[in-house]
Amino acid sequence: MSAQHRHFARILEGMDASDGAGVRLKRYIARPGLEALDPFLLLDEFRTDRADDYIAGFPPHPHRGFETVTYMIHGRMRHRDSTGMEGLLTPGSVQWMTAGRGIIHSEMPEMESGLMWGYQLWVNLPASLKMSAPRYQDIGPERIPEMTDGAARVRVIAGAHGGTRGAAETLTEVAYLDVELAAEGRFTRAELHGHASFLLVLDGELQDVVGTRARRGQLAVITGEGPLAVEADGEGARFLYLAGAPLKEPIAWRGPFVMNTATELRQAFDDYQNGRFTAPAPGNQD
């Protein structure tokens, strides 16, 4: 191995979990073995063609202090929230929600059968922005730029790659790429020193410079210096690549609230329980 190349430090399988009203998930971050990867707090995959696994969705629930990022591969998901916003996530679309000082929202599937496949990522906010105003970025698939990098087709959701900037405006410095590699193709990427990074294999199999392999459904935590170089097997591969600048701040996290101190966390629960988060309007209940 070249000392100047980043490589896979750990390979993890998704852990079975459930959330919302019983939606069945695979959890990759926020589980034993990978509690967090600063600034990333949680990563879930929902992928099933069994309607019973997802149809109850995620009824109204609160958040404060971080951002949720939902990326749909297949299926449709409608969101509604306490600010009066409403939107529909379709295949290839992204919702980048800044919970900020507090929001109540719901995410409900709009189909009763067929494949529902997507990912939800939680990105921490720095202390200075935890009480910022809530906002949504609903980004349709046509707004996500695509570029070709050698054997790779790259959708740039956030950050930049090869001079192409992503569609999402982020408050925490992160990159989010959806990469498809041709058979035996190579993808390379450099990051700033100290940035945390990982990839999640959606299809196929990848190999790093030391020969460590990651296959469909596995998350690879990346370590080392210099560029990352991965190669696809003979069938090609698709993966999500994420990187971010660590905040290096204390975390006080319980359920849907992520703050910096226990006092702030208690205040979040008090504000929610005493109606200081605006409840969804009656017509927005699912």
Protein backbone atom coordinates (compact mmCIF):
# COMPACT_ATOMS: atom_id res chain seq x y z
CA MET A 1 0.00 0.00 0.00
CA SER A 2 1.16 3.50 -0.77
CA ALA A 3 1.38 5.63 2.35
CA GLN A 4 -0.12 8.42 0.25
CA HIS A 5 -3.45 6.72 -0.39
CA ARG A 6 -6.55 6.54 1.73
CA HIS A 7 -8.13 3.15 2.16
CA PHE A 8 -10.88 1.24 3.95
CA ALA A 9 -10.32 1.11 7.70
CA ARG A 10 -13.44 -0.85 8.63
CA ILE A 11 -16.22 -2.66 6.79
CA LEU A 12 -19.62 -2.80 8.49
CA GLU A 13 -22.89 -4.52 7.66
CA GLY A 14 -26.16 -2.71 8.22
CA MET A 15 -27.94 -3.53 11.47
CA ASP A 16 -31.66 -4.32 11.51
CA ALA A 17 -33.68 -1.53 13.11
CA SER A 18 -37.08 0.12 12.96
CA ASP A 19 -38.27 3.70 13.28
CA GLY A 20 -41.35 5.83 12.78
CA ALA A 21 -44.51 3.73 12.89
CA GLY A 22 -42.58 0.48 12.48
CA VAL A 23 -40.67 1.12 9.25
CA ARG A 24 -38.01 -1.58 8.88
CA LEU A 25 -34.50 -0.25 8.29
CA LYS A 26 -30.84 -1.10 7.99
CA ARG A 27 -28.86 1.19 10.28
CA TYR A 28 -25.23 1.95 9.41
CA ILE A 29 -24.37 4.91 11.67
CA ALA A 30 -25.77 5.37 15.20
CA ARG A 31 -25.35 1.72 16.10
CA PRO A 32 -22.89 -0.40 18.09
CA GLY A 33 -19.54 -0.30 16.32
CA LEU A 34 -20.16 3.10 14.71
CA GLU A 35 -21.96 5.46 17.08
CA ALA A 36 -21.20 8.52 14.95
CA LEU A 37 -18.64 9.78 12.45
CA ASP A 38 -18.39 13.52 13.12
CA PRO A 39 -20.20 15.43 11.60
CA PHE A 40 -22.44 12.50 10.56
CA LEU A 41 -24.81 11.30 13.28
CA LEU A 42 -26.97 8.62 11.64
CA LEU A 43 -27.42 6.78 8.34
CA ASP A 44 -30.40 4.52 7.63
CA GLU A 45 -31.41 2.58 4.53
CA PHE A 46 -35.04 1.70 3.86
CA ARG A 47 -35.25 -0.86 1.07
CA THR A 48 -38.08 -3.36 0.67
CA ASP A 49 -40.83 -4.37 -1.75
CA ARG A 50 -43.07 -5.45 1.14
CA ALA A 51 -45.60 -2.67 1.74
CA ASP A 52 -46.07 -3.79 5.35
CA ASP A 53 -42.43 -2.87 6.03
CA TYR A 54 -42.91 0.82 5.21
CA ILE A 55 -46.50 1.86 4.54
CA ALA A 56 -47.08 3.28 8.07
CA GLY A 57 -44.27 5.74 7.39
CA PHE A 58 -43.02 8.38 9.81
CA PRO A 59 -45.99 10.24 11.36
CA PRO A 60 -45.47 13.75 12.82
CA HIS A 61 -42.34 13.94 14.98
CA PRO A 62 -40.00 16.75 16.14
CA HIS A 63 -36.34 17.58 15.48
CA ARG A 64 -33.93 20.23 16.76
CA GLY A 65 -30.24 20.94 16.33
CA PHE A 66 -29.26 19.11 13.12
CA GLU A 67 -30.17 18.42 9.48
CA THR A 68 -31.90 15.41 7.95
CA VAL A 69 -31.11 14.43 4.36
CA THR A 70 -33.44 12.01 2.55
CA TYR A 71 -32.35 10.57 -0.81
CA MET A 72 -34.93 8.52 -2.73
CA ILE A 73 -33.80 5.80 -5.13
CA HIS A 74 -37.24 4.22 -5.74
CA GLY A 75 -40.72 5.06 -4.51
CA ARG A 76 -42.37 8.28 -3.40
CA MET A 77 -42.49 9.96 0.01
CA ARG A 78 -44.58 13.01 0.95
CA HIS A 79 -43.43 15.35 3.70
CA ARG A 80 -45.51 17.86 5.64
CA ASP A 81 -44.41 20.05 8.52
CA SER A 82 -45.28 22.56 11.20
CA THR A 83 -44.24 25.54 9.04
CA GLY A 84 -46.91 24.71 6.44
CA MET A 85 -44.44 23.27 3.95
CA GLU A 86 -45.35 20.21 1.90
CA GLY A 87 -43.54 18.35 -0.85
CA LEU A 88 -43.18 15.04 -2.64
CA LEU A 89 -39.94 13.10 -2.94
CA THR A 90 -39.75 11.10 -6.18
CA PRO A 91 -37.02 8.71 -7.46
CA GLY A 92 -33.67 10.49 -7.64
CA SER A 93 -34.76 13.44 -5.51
CA VAL A 94 -33.31 14.82 -2.28
CA GLN A 95 -34.81 16.62 0.67
CA TRP A 96 -32.27 18.54 2.76
CA MET A 97 -34.09 19.70 5.89
CA THR A 98 -32.50 22.01 8.43
CA ALA A 99 -34.37 21.41 11.68
CA GLY A 100 -32.56 24.28 13.39
CA ARG A 101 -34.41 25.53 16.46
CA GLY A 102 -37.27 23.12 15.95
CA ILE A 103 -39.69 21.60 13.50
CA ILE A 104 -42.38 18.92 13.50
CA HIS A 105 -42.76 16.98 10.27
CA SER A 106 -44.09 13.77 8.79
CA GLU A 107 -42.78 11.56 5.98
CA MET A 108 -45.39 9.23 4.52
CA PRO A 109 -45.09 6.82 1.54
CA GLU A 110 -47.47 7.48 -1.34
CA MET A 111 -47.70 3.95 -2.67
CA GLU A 112 -49.03 0.72 -1.23
CA SER A 113 -46.87 -1.72 -3.14
CA GLY A 114 -43.62 -1.85 -5.08
CA LEU A 115 -40.02 -1.14 -4.15
CA MET A 116 -39.40 1.62 -1.60
CA TRP A 117 -35.68 2.39 -1.44
CA GLY A 118 -33.90 5.36 0.00
CA TYR A 119 -31.52 6.71 2.63
CA GLN A 120 -31.78 9.14 5.50
CA LEU A 121 -28.66 10.86 6.80
CA TRP A 122 -28.41 13.09 9.88
CA VAL A 123 -25.79 15.84 9.71
CA ASN A 124 -24.88 17.70 12.89
CA LEU A 125 -25.00 21.49 13.05
CA PRO A 126 -22.37 23.62 14.79
CA ALA A 127 -23.42 25.20 18.09
CA SER A 128 -23.74 28.60 16.43
CA LEU A 129 -26.42 27.30 14.04
CA LYS A 130 -28.39 24.85 16.17
CA MET A 131 -31.09 27.44 16.85
CA SER A 132 -31.25 28.79 13.30
CA ALA A 133 -34.55 29.08 11.44
CA PRO A 134 -35.89 25.78 10.01
CA ARG A 135 -35.74 25.41 6.23
CA TYR A 136 -36.24 22.86 3.47
CA GLN A 137 -34.43 22.25 0.23
CA ASP A 138 -36.55 20.00 -1.97
CA ILE A 139 -34.28 19.08 -4.87
CA GLY A 140 -35.78 17.27 -7.86
CA PRO A 141 -33.65 14.79 -9.82
CA GLU A 142 -33.32 17.20 -12.74
CA ARG A 143 -31.59 19.72 -10.45
CA ILE A 144 -28.81 17.38 -9.31
CA PRO A 145 -25.81 17.88 -11.62
CA GLU A 146 -24.20 14.83 -13.18
CA MET A 147 -20.66 14.66 -14.51
CA THR A 148 -18.34 12.05 -15.97
CA ASP A 149 -15.02 11.37 -14.27
CA GLY A 150 -13.19 8.68 -16.24
CA ALA A 151 -15.17 5.46 -15.79
CA ALA A 152 -17.42 7.08 -13.17
CA ARG A 153 -20.79 8.79 -13.53
CA VAL A 154 -21.14 11.10 -10.53
CA ARG A 155 -24.31 12.80 -9.26
CA VAL A 156 -23.15 15.68 -7.07
CA ILE A 157 -25.75 16.11 -4.35
CA ALA A 158 -23.67 18.34 -2.08
CA GLY A 159 -20.14 19.68 -2.02
CA ALA A 160 -18.15 19.53 -5.25
CA HIS A 161 -16.38 17.01 -7.46
CA GLY A 162 -14.14 17.74 -10.42
CA GLY A 163 -15.24 21.37 -10.48
CA THR A 164 -18.96 20.52 -10.46
CA ARG A 165 -20.86 21.91 -7.47
CA GLY A 166 -23.72 20.05 -5.85
CA ALA A 167 -27.35 21.09 -5.75
CA ALA A 168 -27.70 21.42 -1.96
CA GLU A 169 -26.57 24.40 0.10
CA THR A 170 -25.10 23.01 3.32
CA LEU A 171 -24.52 24.67 6.68
CA THR A 172 -21.97 22.03 7.71
CA GLU A 173 -19.13 21.40 5.25
CA VAL A 174 -20.01 18.07 3.61
CA ALA A 175 -19.79 16.30 0.26
CA TYR A 176 -22.45 13.81 -0.88
CA LEU A 177 -21.94 11.91 -4.15
CA ASP A 178 -23.83 9.10 -5.88
CA VAL A 179 -21.26 7.27 -8.02
CA GLU A 180 -21.74 4.62 -10.70
CA LEU A 181 -18.61 2.83 -11.92
CA ALA A 182 -18.31 0.86 -15.12
CA ALA A 183 -16.97 -2.70 -14.93
CA GLU A 184 -13.40 -2.63 -13.61
CA GLY A 185 -13.58 1.16 -13.55
CA ARG A 186 -11.68 3.33 -11.06
CA PHE A 187 -12.84 6.28 -8.94
CA THR A 188 -10.43 8.63 -7.17
CA ARG A 189 -11.13 11.41 -4.70
CA ALA A 190 -8.99 13.55 -2.40
CA GLU A 191 -10.20 15.18 0.82
CA LEU A 192 -8.85 17.90 3.06
CA HIS A 193 -6.76 16.70 5.99
CA GLY A 194 -8.89 15.59 8.92
CA HIS A 195 -12.17 15.23 7.04
CA ALA A 196 -14.22 12.16 7.93
CA SER A 197 -15.34 10.04 4.98
CA PHE A 198 -17.06 6.78 4.16
CA LEU A 199 -18.84 5.05 1.33
CA LEU A 200 -21.86 2.77 1.20
CA VAL A 201 -22.07 0.20 -1.60
CA LEU A 202 -25.50 0.15 -3.27
CA ASP A 203 -24.68 -2.46 -5.93
CA GLY A 204 -21.68 -4.50 -7.00
CA GLU A 205 -18.34 -4.70 -5.22
CA LEU A 206 -15.39 -2.34 -4.71
CA GLN A 207 -11.72 -2.84 -3.86
CA ASP A 208 -9.35 -0.27 -2.33
CA VAL A 209 -5.59 0.07 -2.88
CA VAL A 210 -4.73 -2.57 -0.24
CA GLY A 211 -7.16 -5.12 -1.65
CA THR A 212 -9.89 -4.73 0.99
CA ARG A 213 -13.29 -5.33 -0.57
CA ALA A 214 -16.71 -3.88 0.18
CA ARG A 215 -19.85 -5.34 -1.40
CA ARG A 216 -23.51 -4.43 -1.74
CA GLY A 217 -24.97 -3.43 1.61
CA GLN A 218 -21.64 -2.73 3.33
CA LEU A 219 -20.32 0.58 4.65
CA ALA A 220 -16.59 1.28 4.43
CA VAL A 221 -15.07 3.81 6.83
CA ILE A 222 -12.12 5.49 5.11
CA THR A 223 -8.79 6.40 6.72
CA GLY A 224 -5.30 7.57 5.73
CA GLU A 225 -3.92 10.50 3.76
CA GLY A 226 -3.86 11.39 0.09
CA PRO A 227 -6.50 10.40 -2.48
CA LEU A 228 -8.88 7.49 -2.19
CA ALA A 229 -8.81 5.08 -5.15
CA VAL A 230 -11.39 2.31 -5.52
CA GLU A 231 -12.05 -0.10 -8.37
CA ALA A 232 -15.26 -1.89 -9.34
CA ASP A 233 -15.45 -5.59 -10.04
CA GLY A 234 -16.34 -7.04 -13.45
CA GLU A 235 -20.02 -6.16 -13.03
CA GLY A 236 -19.51 -2.50 -12.18
CA ALA A 237 -20.64 -0.87 -8.93
CA ARG A 238 -22.72 1.94 -7.47
CA PHE A 239 -22.05 3.63 -4.14
CA LEU A 240 -22.73 6.70 -2.03
CA TYR A 241 -19.64 8.64 -1.01
CA LEU A 242 -19.80 11.10 1.90
CA ALA A 243 -17.20 13.31 3.53
CA GLY A 244 -17.39 16.12 6.06
CA ALA A 245 -15.39 18.47 8.22
CA PRO A 246 -15.64 17.36 11.88
CA LEU A 247 -17.24 19.92 14.19
CA LYS A 248 -15.26 18.69 17.23
CA GLU A 249 -17.96 19.91 19.60
CA PRO A 250 -19.62 18.13 22.53
CA ILE A 251 -22.82 16.27 21.69
CA ALA A 252 -25.88 15.94 23.94
CA TRP A 253 -28.23 13.68 22.00
CA ARG A 254 -31.47 12.09 22.98
CA GLY A 255 -34.06 10.86 20.50
CA PRO A 256 -34.96 13.61 18.00
CA PHE A 257 -32.85 16.37 19.58
CA VAL A 258 -29.10 16.88 19.18
CA MET A 259 -27.61 19.72 21.22
CA ASN A 260 -24.27 20.53 22.87
CA THR A 261 -25.17 20.41 26.57
CA ALA A 262 -27.56 18.57 28.86
CA THR A 263 -29.17 21.90 29.74
CA GLU A 264 -29.91 22.63 26.07
CA LEU A 265 -31.28 19.12 25.66
CA ARG A 266 -33.65 19.55 28.62
CA GLN A 267 -34.78 22.87 27.14
CA ALA A 268 -35.55 21.18 23.82
CA PHE A 269 -37.81 18.62 25.53
CA ASP A 270 -39.46 21.35 27.61
CA ASP A 271 -40.11 23.50 24.54
CA TYR A 272 -41.63 20.57 22.66
CA GLN A 273 -43.76 19.31 25.55
CA ASN A 274 -45.11 22.79 26.23
CA GLY A 275 -46.12 23.54 22.66
CA ARG A 276 -43.31 25.89 21.74
CA PHE A 277 -42.77 23.81 18.59
CA THR A 278 -45.60 24.68 16.22
CA ALA A 279 -47.87 21.66 15.74
CA PRO A 280 -48.83 20.66 12.17
CA ALA A 281 -52.13 22.12 10.98
CA PRO A 282 -55.04 19.64 11.16
CA GLY A 283 -55.15 19.29 7.39
CA ASN A 284 -51.51 18.20 7.37
CA GLN A 285 -51.97 15.18 9.60
CA ASP A 286 -51.60 11.75 8.01
